[in-house]
């Protein structure tokens, strides 16, 4: 629906990534101002689990803040 309505925006998500690839506490920090895009951004972060490559880069849980950008092409 957001695509059909040509909605764009940036949602900022915070989460904790563990060395085993699990994601904890994903939360919306800054809204895209569109509820559907905010939900999609949270789902995208949850969808990386298990992020197996994490074990190659981190040895303890680390907090991240990412911008999920939605552009209509």
Protein backbone atom coordinates (compact mmCIF):
# COMPACT_ATOMS: atom_id res chain seq x y z
CA UNK A 1 0.00 0.00 0.00
CA UNK A 2 2.81 2.43 0.88
CA UNK A 3 4.40 1.81 -2.51
CA UNK A 4 1.11 2.43 -4.33
CA UNK A 5 0.71 5.67 -2.40
CA UNK A 6 4.33 6.56 -3.27
CA UNK A 7 5.25 6.96 0.38
CA UNK A 8 8.90 7.59 1.18
CA UNK A 9 10.76 8.12 4.41
CA UNK A 10 13.50 7.10 6.80
CA UNK A 11 12.86 5.08 9.95
CA UNK A 12 15.64 4.79 12.52
CA UNK A 13 15.82 1.51 14.41
CA UNK A 14 17.93 0.56 17.43
CA UNK A 15 18.70 -3.04 18.35
CA UNK A 16 21.24 -5.25 20.08
CA UNK A 17 23.12 -7.80 17.98
CA UNK A 18 24.64 -10.83 19.70
CA UNK A 19 27.62 -12.88 18.48
CA UNK A 20 25.27 -15.83 17.84
CA UNK A 21 23.38 -13.66 15.34
CA UNK A 22 20.30 -13.08 17.47
CA UNK A 23 18.66 -9.64 17.57
CA UNK A 24 17.18 -8.24 20.76
CA UNK A 25 15.13 -5.19 21.60
CA UNK A 26 14.51 -3.74 18.14
CA UNK A 27 12.73 -0.45 18.62
CA UNK A 28 11.74 2.54 16.56
CA UNK A 29 13.84 5.58 17.50
CA UNK A 30 12.70 7.95 14.78
CA UNK A 31 9.56 7.52 12.71
CA UNK A 32 9.32 7.76 8.95
CA UNK A 33 5.97 9.43 9.66
CA UNK A 34 4.21 6.51 7.98
CA UNK A 35 3.07 3.65 10.20
CA UNK A 36 3.40 1.03 7.43
CA UNK A 37 7.01 2.03 6.71
CA UNK A 38 7.88 2.01 10.41
CA UNK A 39 6.51 -1.54 10.70
CA UNK A 40 8.39 -2.60 7.58
CA UNK A 41 11.64 -1.19 9.00
CA UNK A 42 11.18 -3.11 12.26
CA UNK A 43 10.34 -6.28 10.30
CA UNK A 44 13.47 -5.82 8.17
CA UNK A 45 15.70 -5.67 11.24
CA UNK A 46 13.97 -8.65 12.83
CA UNK A 47 14.31 -10.49 9.52
CA UNK A 48 18.12 -10.51 9.59
CA UNK A 49 18.01 -13.00 12.46
CA UNK A 50 20.03 -15.13 12.70
CA UNK A 51 22.77 -12.87 11.37
CA UNK A 52 25.39 -15.62 11.36
CA UNK A 53 28.20 -13.35 10.11
CA UNK A 54 28.08 -11.52 13.46
CA UNK A 55 30.29 -14.20 15.03
CA UNK A 56 33.10 -13.15 12.67
CA UNK A 57 32.96 -9.52 13.77
CA UNK A 58 31.76 -9.22 17.36
CA UNK A 59 32.55 -11.14 20.54
CA UNK A 60 29.98 -9.51 22.82
CA UNK A 61 26.52 -8.00 22.33
CA UNK A 62 26.63 -4.62 20.60
CA UNK A 63 23.98 -1.95 20.18
CA UNK A 64 23.34 -0.56 16.71
CA UNK A 65 21.28 2.28 15.31
CA UNK A 66 20.42 2.08 11.63
CA UNK A 67 18.44 4.18 9.21
CA UNK A 68 16.08 2.20 6.99
CA UNK A 69 15.47 4.29 3.89
CA UNK A 70 12.37 3.87 1.74
CA UNK A 71 12.51 5.43 -1.74
CA UNK A 72 9.99 5.06 -4.51
CA UNK A 73 11.80 4.38 -7.77
